[in-house]
PDB file of N, CA and C in Angstrom:
ATOM      1  N   MET A   1     -35.092 -14.858 -29.909  1.00  0.00           N
ATOM      2  CA  MET A   1     -33.661 -14.988 -29.829  1.00  0.00           C
ATOM      3  C   MET A   1     -33.035 -14.203 -30.985  1.00  0.00           C
ATOM      4  N   ALA A   2     -31.986 -13.447 -30.709  1.00  0.00           N
ATOM      5  CA  ALA A   2     -31.334 -12.635 -31.729  1.00  0.00           C
ATOM      6  C   ALA A   2     -30.555 -13.515 -32.698  1.00  0.00           C
ATOM      7  N   ARG A   3     -30.566 -13.121 -33.942  1.00  0.00           N
ATOM      8  CA  ARG A   3     -29.829 -13.855 -34.961  1.00  0.00           C
ATOM      9  C   ARG A   3     -28.386 -13.377 -34.973  1.00  0.00           C
ATOM     10  N   GLN A   4     -27.485 -14.320 -35.211  1.00  0.00           N
ATOM     11  CA  GLN A   4     -26.073 -13.953 -35.302  1.00  0.00           C
ATOM     12  C   GLN A   4     -25.802 -13.305 -36.647  1.00  0.00           C
ATOM     13  N   SER A   5     -24.975 -12.299 -36.626  1.00  0.00           N
ATOM     14  CA  SER A   5     -24.595 -11.660 -37.878  1.00  0.00           C
ATOM     15  C   SER A   5     -23.626 -12.571 -38.627  1.00  0.00           C
ATOM     16  N   LEU A   6     -23.476 -12.314 -39.897  1.00  0.00           N
ATOM     17  CA  LEU A   6     -22.573 -13.098 -40.726  1.00  0.00           C
ATOM     18  C   LEU A   6     -21.142 -13.008 -40.208  1.00  0.00           C
ATOM     19  N   SER A   7     -20.722 -11.832 -39.767  1.00  0.00           N
ATOM     20  CA  SER A   7     -19.354 -11.678 -39.256  1.00  0.00           C
ATOM     21  C   SER A   7     -19.156 -12.456 -37.955  1.00  0.00           C
ATOM     22  N   ASP A   8     -20.175 -12.517 -37.102  1.00  0.00           N
ATOM     23  CA  ASP A   8     -20.089 -13.314 -35.873  1.00  0.00           C
ATOM     24  C   ASP A   8     -19.946 -14.790 -36.210  1.00  0.00           C
ATOM     25  N   LYS A   9     -20.706 -15.254 -37.179  1.00  0.00           N
ATOM     26  CA  LYS A   9     -20.624 -16.662 -37.583  1.00  0.00           C
ATOM     27  C   LYS A   9     -19.253 -16.987 -38.145  1.00  0.00           C
ATOM     28  N   ARG A  10     -18.706 -16.084 -38.950  1.00  0.00           N
ATOM     29  CA  ARG A  10     -17.364 -16.304 -39.504  1.00  0.00           C
ATOM     30  C   ARG A  10     -16.311 -16.353 -38.401  1.00  0.00           C
ATOM     31  N   MET A  11     -16.431 -15.462 -37.428  1.00  0.00           N
ATOM     32  CA  MET A  11     -15.475 -15.438 -36.332  1.00  0.00           C
ATOM     33  C   MET A  11     -15.535 -16.750 -35.547  1.00  0.00           C
ATOM     34  N   ILE A  12     -16.719 -17.225 -35.270  1.00  0.00           N
ATOM     35  CA  ILE A  12     -16.888 -18.487 -34.541  1.00  0.00           C
ATOM     36  C   ILE A  12     -16.304 -19.641 -35.340  1.00  0.00           C
ATOM     37  N   GLU A  13     -16.545 -19.650 -36.645  1.00  0.00           N
ATOM     38  CA  GLU A  13     -15.984 -20.696 -37.504  1.00  0.00           C
ATOM     39  C   GLU A  13     -14.461 -20.664 -37.477  1.00  0.00           C
ATOM     40  N   GLU A  14     -13.877 -19.490 -37.559  1.00  0.00           N
ATOM     41  CA  GLU A  14     -12.417 -19.359 -37.546  1.00  0.00           C
ATOM     42  C   GLU A  14     -11.836 -19.815 -36.211  1.00  0.00           C
ATOM     43  N   LEU A  15     -12.489 -19.451 -35.110  1.00  0.00           N
ATOM     44  CA  LEU A  15     -12.011 -19.886 -33.799  1.00  0.00           C
ATOM     45  C   LEU A  15     -12.080 -21.407 -33.676  1.00  0.00           C
ATOM     46  N   ASN A  16     -13.161 -22.002 -34.152  1.00  0.00           N
ATOM     47  CA  ASN A  16     -13.302 -23.455 -34.100  1.00  0.00           C
ATOM     48  C   ASN A  16     -12.272 -24.152 -34.977  1.00  0.00           C
ATOM     49  N   LYS A  17     -12.007 -23.612 -36.159  1.00  0.00           N
ATOM     50  CA  LYS A  17     -10.983 -24.190 -37.043  1.00  0.00           C
ATOM     51  C   LYS A  17      -9.615 -24.125 -36.376  1.00  0.00           C
ATOM     52  N   GLY A  18      -9.312 -22.994 -35.767  1.00  0.00           N
ATOM     53  CA  GLY A  18      -8.035 -22.849 -35.072  1.00  0.00           C
ATOM     54  C   GLY A  18      -7.892 -23.840 -33.941  1.00  0.00           C
ATOM     55  N   ARG A  19      -8.952 -24.043 -33.191  1.00  0.00           N
ATOM     56  CA  ARG A  19      -8.912 -25.008 -32.080  1.00  0.00           C
ATOM     57  C   ARG A  19      -8.692 -26.417 -32.609  1.00  0.00           C
ATOM     58  N   GLU A  20      -9.425 -26.797 -33.640  1.00  0.00           N
ATOM     59  CA  GLU A  20      -9.280 -28.137 -34.206  1.00  0.00           C
ATOM     60  C   GLU A  20      -7.872 -28.350 -34.745  1.00  0.00           C
ATOM     61  N   HIS A  21      -7.325 -27.343 -35.400  1.00  0.00           N
ATOM     62  CA  HIS A  21      -5.959 -27.445 -35.909  1.00  0.00           C
ATOM     63  C   HIS A  21      -4.981 -27.601 -34.750  1.00  0.00           C
ATOM     64  N   LEU A  22      -5.177 -26.820 -33.713  1.00  0.00           N
ATOM     65  CA  LEU A  22      -4.281 -26.839 -32.566  1.00  0.00           C
ATOM     66  C   LEU A  22      -4.266 -28.199 -31.878  1.00  0.00           C
ATOM     67  N   VAL A  23      -5.418 -28.774 -31.638  1.00  0.00           N
ATOM     68  CA  VAL A  23      -5.461 -30.022 -30.875  1.00  0.00           C
ATOM     69  C   VAL A  23      -5.205 -31.256 -31.726  1.00  0.00           C
ATOM     70  N   SER A  24      -5.201 -31.122 -33.053  1.00  0.00           N
ATOM     71  CA  SER A  24      -5.037 -32.307 -33.890  1.00  0.00           C
ATOM     72  C   SER A  24      -3.696 -32.400 -34.609  1.00  0.00           C
ATOM     73  N   GLN A  25      -2.951 -31.324 -34.719  1.00  0.00           N
ATOM     74  CA  GLN A  25      -1.706 -31.323 -35.479  1.00  0.00           C
ATOM     75  C   GLN A  25      -0.510 -31.663 -34.594  1.00  0.00           C
ATOM     76  N   ALA A  26       0.349 -32.516 -35.130  1.00  0.00           N
ATOM     77  CA  ALA A  26       1.563 -32.885 -34.407  1.00  0.00           C
ATOM     78  C   ALA A  26       2.463 -31.672 -34.175  1.00  0.00           C
ATOM     79  N   SER A  27       2.429 -30.717 -35.092  1.00  0.00           N
ATOM     80  CA  SER A  27       3.261 -29.520 -34.970  1.00  0.00           C
ATOM     81  C   SER A  27       2.876 -28.659 -33.766  1.00  0.00           C
ATOM     82  N   SER A  28       1.718 -28.881 -33.212  1.00  0.00           N
ATOM     83  CA  SER A  28       1.252 -28.103 -32.056  1.00  0.00           C
ATOM     84  C   SER A  28       1.644 -28.725 -30.730  1.00  0.00           C
ATOM     85  N   SER A  29       2.362 -29.828 -30.763  1.00  0.00           N
ATOM     86  CA  SER A  29       2.659 -30.546 -29.522  1.00  0.00           C
ATOM     87  C   SER A  29       3.487 -29.714 -28.545  1.00  0.00           C
ATOM     88  N   ARG A  30       4.434 -28.924 -29.035  1.00  0.00           N
ATOM     89  CA  ARG A  30       5.240 -28.088 -28.128  1.00  0.00           C
ATOM     90  C   ARG A  30       4.378 -27.033 -27.448  1.00  0.00           C
ATOM     91  N   LEU A  31       3.454 -26.446 -28.199  1.00  0.00           N
ATOM     92  CA  LEU A  31       2.565 -25.443 -27.623  1.00  0.00           C
ATOM     93  C   LEU A  31       1.652 -26.070 -26.576  1.00  0.00           C
ATOM     94  N   LEU A  32       1.048 -27.200 -26.906  1.00  0.00           N
ATOM     95  CA  LEU A  32       0.163 -27.867 -25.952  1.00  0.00           C
ATOM     96  C   LEU A  32       0.924 -28.331 -24.716  1.00  0.00           C
ATOM     97  N   SER A  33       2.138 -28.830 -24.896  1.00  0.00           N
ATOM     98  CA  SER A  33       2.955 -29.249 -23.751  1.00  0.00           C
ATOM     99  C   SER A  33       3.264 -28.069 -22.844  1.00  0.00           C
ATOM    100  N   ALA A  34       3.609 -26.926 -23.437  1.00  0.00           N
ATOM    101  CA  ALA A  34       3.905 -25.726 -22.639  1.00  0.00           C
ATOM    102  C   ALA A  34       2.666 -25.275 -21.873  1.00  0.00           C
ATOM    103  N   LEU A  35       1.502 -25.323 -22.521  1.00  0.00           N
ATOM    104  CA  LEU A  35       0.261 -24.932 -21.841  1.00  0.00           C
ATOM    105  C   LEU A  35      -0.036 -25.864 -20.679  1.00  0.00           C
ATOM    106  N   ARG A  36       0.093 -27.162 -20.897  1.00  0.00           N
ATOM    107  CA  ARG A  36      -0.168 -28.123 -19.813  1.00  0.00           C
ATOM    108  C   ARG A  36       0.820 -27.947 -18.665  1.00  0.00           C
ATOM    109  N   ARG A  37       2.088 -27.730 -19.009  1.00  0.00           N
ATOM    110  CA  ARG A  37       3.126 -27.570 -17.982  1.00  0.00           C
ATOM    111  C   ARG A  37       2.865 -26.324 -17.133  1.00  0.00           C
ATOM    112  N   ARG A  38       2.469 -25.230 -17.762  1.00  0.00           N
ATOM    113  CA  ARG A  38       2.267 -23.977 -17.039  1.00  0.00           C
ATOM    114  C   ARG A  38       0.916 -23.895 -16.343  1.00  0.00           C
ATOM    115  N   LEU A  39      -0.130 -24.436 -16.973  1.00  0.00           N
ATOM    116  CA  LEU A  39      -1.478 -24.296 -16.410  1.00  0.00           C
ATOM    117  C   LEU A  39      -1.925 -25.531 -15.638  1.00  0.00           C
ATOM    118  N   GLN A  40      -1.127 -26.576 -15.637  1.00  0.00           N
ATOM    119  CA  GLN A  40      -1.378 -27.825 -14.938  1.00  0.00           C
ATOM    120  C   GLN A  40      -2.487 -28.661 -15.571  1.00  0.00           C
ATOM    121  N   SER A  41      -3.556 -28.048 -15.995  1.00  0.00           N
ATOM    122  CA  SER A  41      -4.681 -28.789 -16.549  1.00  0.00           C
ATOM    123  C   SER A  41      -5.421 -27.908 -17.547  1.00  0.00           C
ATOM    124  N   ILE A  42      -5.679 -28.454 -18.722  1.00  0.00           N
ATOM    125  CA  ILE A  42      -6.467 -27.739 -19.718  1.00  0.00           C
ATOM    126  C   ILE A  42      -7.407 -28.720 -20.393  1.00  0.00           C
ATOM    127  N   THR A  43      -8.444 -28.190 -20.991  1.00  0.00           N
ATOM    128  CA  THR A  43      -9.387 -29.010 -21.744  1.00  0.00           C
ATOM    129  C   THR A  43      -9.201 -28.713 -23.226  1.00  0.00           C
ATOM    130  N   ARG A  44     -10.084 -29.232 -24.059  1.00  0.00           N
ATOM    131  CA  ARG A  44     -10.041 -28.945 -25.495  1.00  0.00           C
ATOM    132  C   ARG A  44     -10.603 -27.554 -25.794  1.00  0.00           C
ATOM    133  N   ASN A  45     -10.979 -26.830 -24.764  1.00  0.00           N
ATOM    134  CA  ASN A  45     -11.561 -25.501 -24.925  1.00  0.00           C
ATOM    135  C   ASN A  45     -10.456 -24.452 -25.056  1.00  0.00           C
ATOM    136  N   ILE A  46      -9.736 -24.507 -26.193  1.00  0.00           N
ATOM    137  CA  ILE A  46      -8.626 -23.593 -26.462  1.00  0.00           C
ATOM    138  C   ILE A  46      -8.911 -22.898 -27.786  1.00  0.00           C
ATOM    139  N   TYR A  47      -8.841 -21.588 -27.786  1.00  0.00           N
ATOM    140  CA  TYR A  47      -9.094 -20.825 -29.008  1.00  0.00           C
ATOM    141  C   TYR A  47      -7.902 -19.938 -29.313  1.00  0.00           C
ATOM    142  N   VAL A  48      -7.415 -20.002 -30.541  1.00  0.00           N
ATOM    143  CA  VAL A  48      -6.291 -19.198 -30.987  1.00  0.00           C
ATOM    144  C   VAL A  48      -6.839 -17.885 -31.536  1.00  0.00           C
ATOM    145  N   PHE A  49      -6.506 -16.779 -30.872  1.00  0.00           N
ATOM    146  CA  PHE A  49      -6.918 -15.466 -31.355  1.00  0.00           C
ATOM    147  C   PHE A  49      -5.976 -14.960 -32.425  1.00  0.00           C
ATOM    148  N   ASP A  50      -4.695 -15.242 -32.234  1.00  0.00           N
ATOM    149  CA  ASP A  50      -3.717 -14.756 -33.191  1.00  0.00           C
ATOM    150  C   ASP A  50      -2.486 -15.645 -33.131  1.00  0.00           C
ATOM    151  N   GLN A  51      -1.865 -15.844 -34.275  1.00  0.00           N
ATOM    152  CA  GLN A  51      -0.607 -16.560 -34.378  1.00  0.00           C
ATOM    153  C   GLN A  51       0.292 -15.732 -35.285  1.00  0.00           C
ATOM    154  N   ILE A  52       1.451 -15.370 -34.760  1.00  0.00           N
ATOM    155  CA  ILE A  52       2.369 -14.515 -35.506  1.00  0.00           C
ATOM    156  C   ILE A  52       3.683 -15.272 -35.694  1.00  0.00           C
ATOM    157  N   PRO A  53       3.998 -15.621 -36.925  1.00  0.00           N
ATOM    158  CA  PRO A  53       5.286 -16.290 -37.166  1.00  0.00           C
ATOM    159  C   PRO A  53       6.402 -15.254 -37.228  1.00  0.00           C
ATOM    160  N   GLU A  54       7.310 -15.335 -36.301  1.00  0.00           N
ATOM    161  CA  GLU A  54       8.477 -14.459 -36.280  1.00  0.00           C
ATOM    162  C   GLU A  54       9.680 -15.258 -36.765  1.00  0.00           C
ATOM    163  N   GLN A  55      10.797 -14.596 -36.935  1.00  0.00           N
ATOM    164  CA  GLN A  55      11.986 -15.268 -37.444  1.00  0.00           C
ATOM    165  C   GLN A  55      12.465 -16.366 -36.493  1.00  0.00           C
ATOM    166  N   CYS A  56      12.459 -16.106 -35.203  1.00  0.00           N
ATOM    167  CA  CYS A  56      12.961 -17.080 -34.226  1.00  0.00           C
ATOM    168  C   CYS A  56      11.869 -17.761 -33.420  1.00  0.00           C
ATOM    169  N   ASP A  57      10.684 -17.202 -33.396  1.00  0.00           N
ATOM    170  CA  ASP A  57       9.604 -17.687 -32.536  1.00  0.00           C
ATOM    171  C   ASP A  57       8.285 -17.764 -33.282  1.00  0.00           C
ATOM    172  N   GLU A  58       7.385 -18.560 -32.730  1.00  0.00           N
ATOM    173  CA  GLU A  58       5.972 -18.526 -33.093  1.00  0.00           C
ATOM    174  C   GLU A  58       5.277 -17.875 -31.903  1.00  0.00           C
ATOM    175  N   ILE A  59       4.557 -16.807 -32.137  1.00  0.00           N
ATOM    176  CA  ILE A  59       3.878 -16.096 -31.058  1.00  0.00           C
ATOM    177  C   ILE A  59       2.394 -16.419 -31.142  1.00  0.00           C
ATOM    178  N   TYR A  60       1.816 -16.810 -30.007  1.00  0.00           N
ATOM    179  CA  TYR A  60       0.408 -17.185 -29.954  1.00  0.00           C
ATOM    180  C   TYR A  60      -0.313 -16.352 -28.904  1.00  0.00           C
ATOM    181  N   TYR A  61      -1.549 -16.021 -29.205  1.00  0.00           N
ATOM    182  CA  TYR A  61      -2.487 -15.440 -28.242  1.00  0.00           C
ATOM    183  C   TYR A  61      -3.672 -16.397 -28.201  1.00  0.00           C
ATOM    184  N   LEU A  62      -3.966 -16.913 -27.010  1.00  0.00           N
ATOM    185  CA  LEU A  62      -4.999 -17.937 -26.881  1.00  0.00           C
ATOM    186  C   LEU A  62      -5.954 -17.628 -25.740  1.00  0.00           C
ATOM    187  N   LEU A  63      -7.166 -18.150 -25.860  1.00  0.00           N
ATOM    188  CA  LEU A  63      -8.123 -18.160 -24.757  1.00  0.00           C
ATOM    189  C   LEU A  63      -8.230 -19.616 -24.320  1.00  0.00           C
ATOM    190  N   VAL A  64      -7.910 -19.890 -23.060  1.00  0.00           N
ATOM    191  CA  VAL A  64      -7.879 -21.251 -22.538  1.00  0.00           C
ATOM    192  C   VAL A  64      -9.005 -21.429 -21.526  1.00  0.00           C
ATOM    193  N   ASP A  65      -9.808 -22.455 -21.752  1.00  0.00           N
ATOM    194  CA  ASP A  65     -10.909 -22.814 -20.848  1.00  0.00           C
ATOM    195  C   ASP A  65     -11.875 -21.667 -20.587  1.00  0.00           C
ATOM    196  N   GLY A  66     -11.965 -20.747 -21.527  1.00  0.00           N
ATOM    197  CA  GLY A  66     -12.926 -19.663 -21.435  1.00  0.00           C
ATOM    198  C   GLY A  66     -12.656 -18.641 -20.348  1.00  0.00           C
ATOM    199  N   ARG A  67     -11.462 -18.703 -19.735  1.00  0.00           N
ATOM    200  CA  ARG A  67     -11.211 -17.784 -18.636  1.00  0.00           C
ATOM    201  C   ARG A  67      -9.784 -17.265 -18.544  1.00  0.00           C
ATOM    202  N   ILE A  68      -8.853 -17.856 -19.285  1.00  0.00           N
ATOM    203  CA  ILE A  68      -7.456 -17.453 -19.194  1.00  0.00           C
ATOM    204  C   ILE A  68      -6.969 -17.015 -20.572  1.00  0.00           C
ATOM    205  N   VAL A  69      -6.425 -15.808 -20.651  1.00  0.00           N
ATOM    206  CA  VAL A  69      -5.827 -15.327 -21.888  1.00  0.00           C
ATOM    207  C   VAL A  69      -4.319 -15.543 -21.768  1.00  0.00           C
ATOM    208  N   VAL A  70      -3.748 -16.180 -22.780  1.00  0.00           N
ATOM    209  CA  VAL A  70      -2.336 -16.548 -22.752  1.00  0.00           C
ATOM    210  C   VAL A  70      -1.617 -15.931 -23.941  1.00  0.00           C
ATOM    211  N   HIS A  71      -0.459 -15.364 -23.669  1.00  0.00           N
ATOM    212  CA  HIS A  71       0.492 -14.932 -24.702  1.00  0.00           C
ATOM    213  C   HIS A  71       1.700 -15.834 -24.504  1.00  0.00           C
ATOM    214  N   ILE A  72       2.070 -16.585 -25.526  1.00  0.00           N
ATOM    215  CA  ILE A  72       3.209 -17.493 -25.399  1.00  0.00           C
ATOM    216  C   ILE A  72       4.045 -17.422 -26.658  1.00  0.00           C
ATOM    217  N   GLU A  73       5.355 -17.471 -26.473  1.00  0.00           N
ATOM    218  CA  GLU A  73       6.286 -17.474 -27.592  1.00  0.00           C
ATOM    219  C   GLU A  73       7.041 -18.791 -27.564  1.00  0.00           C
ATOM    220  N   ILE A  74       6.915 -19.544 -28.650  1.00  0.00           N
ATOM    221  CA  ILE A  74       7.572 -20.834 -28.760  1.00  0.00           C
ATOM    222  C   ILE A  74       8.721 -20.691 -29.755  1.00  0.00           C
ATOM    223  N   PRO A  75       9.964 -20.871 -29.307  1.00  0.00           N
ATOM    224  CA  PRO A  75      11.104 -20.752 -30.223  1.00  0.00           C
ATOM    225  C   PRO A  75      11.060 -21.830 -31.311  1.00  0.00           C
ATOM    226  N   ARG A  76      11.518 -21.474 -32.489  1.00  0.00           N
ATOM    227  CA  ARG A  76      11.588 -22.437 -33.584  1.00  0.00           C
ATOM    228  C   ARG A  76      12.653 -23.496 -33.307  1.00  0.00           C
ATOM    229  N   ASN A  77      13.682 -23.134 -32.563  1.00  0.00           N
ATOM    230  CA  ASN A  77      14.712 -24.087 -32.168  1.00  0.00           C
ATOM    231  C   ASN A  77      14.108 -25.040 -31.148  1.00  0.00           C
ATOM    232  N   THR A  78      14.035 -26.314 -31.464  1.00  0.00           N
ATOM    233  CA  THR A  78      13.352 -27.289 -30.607  1.00  0.00           C
ATOM    234  C   THR A  78      14.096 -27.585 -29.319  1.00  0.00           C
ATOM    235  N   HIS A  79      15.342 -27.118 -29.191  1.00  0.00           N
ATOM    236  CA  HIS A  79      16.119 -27.384 -27.970  1.00  0.00           C
ATOM    237  C   HIS A  79      15.943 -26.288 -26.922  1.00  0.00           C
ATOM    238  N   VAL A  80      15.123 -25.305 -27.234  1.00  0.00           N
ATOM    239  CA  VAL A  80      14.888 -24.189 -26.318  1.00  0.00           C
ATOM    240  C   VAL A  80      13.427 -24.225 -25.893  1.00  0.00           C
ATOM    241  N   SER A  81      13.174 -24.077 -24.587  1.00  0.00           N
ATOM    242  CA  SER A  81      11.780 -24.038 -24.122  1.00  0.00           C
ATOM    243  C   SER A  81      11.182 -22.664 -24.414  1.00  0.00           C
ATOM    244  N   GLU A  82       9.892 -22.507 -24.144  1.00  0.00           N
ATOM    245  CA  GLU A  82       9.243 -21.232 -24.461  1.00  0.00           C
ATOM    246  C   GLU A  82       9.932 -20.093 -23.721  1.00  0.00           C
ATOM    247  N   THR A  83       9.940 -18.939 -24.348  1.00  0.00           N
ATOM    248  CA  THR A  83      10.649 -17.798 -23.775  1.00  0.00           C
ATOM    249  C   THR A  83       9.725 -16.864 -23.005  1.00  0.00           C
ATOM    250  N   VAL A  84       8.467 -16.794 -23.406  1.00  0.00           N
ATOM    251  CA  VAL A  84       7.524 -15.888 -22.740  1.00  0.00           C
ATOM    252  C   VAL A  84       6.223 -16.645 -22.539  1.00  0.00           C
ATOM    253  N   PHE A  85       5.673 -16.518 -21.364  1.00  0.00           N
ATOM    254  CA  PHE A  85       4.360 -17.103 -21.087  1.00  0.00           C
ATOM    255  C   PHE A  85       3.590 -16.100 -20.276  1.00  0.00           C
TER     256      PHE A  85
END
């Protein structure tokens, strides 16, 4: 069996940390709600590839359930639903 390189291990660790942060933090509830609303059903198998804080939005790139790549923009204003999915 091939050994994982150090960079592969770091990438896996970062993806796992991002997932744990996403599913455990109260601040992620709007993102998780938007994902559930749009995809109907998701598991804990969510990986954040990138998160970009913009002035008005939080932009996320995620891999959901190992098969769906999602780009979603969540406005910082809590009275506005997501603008891009």
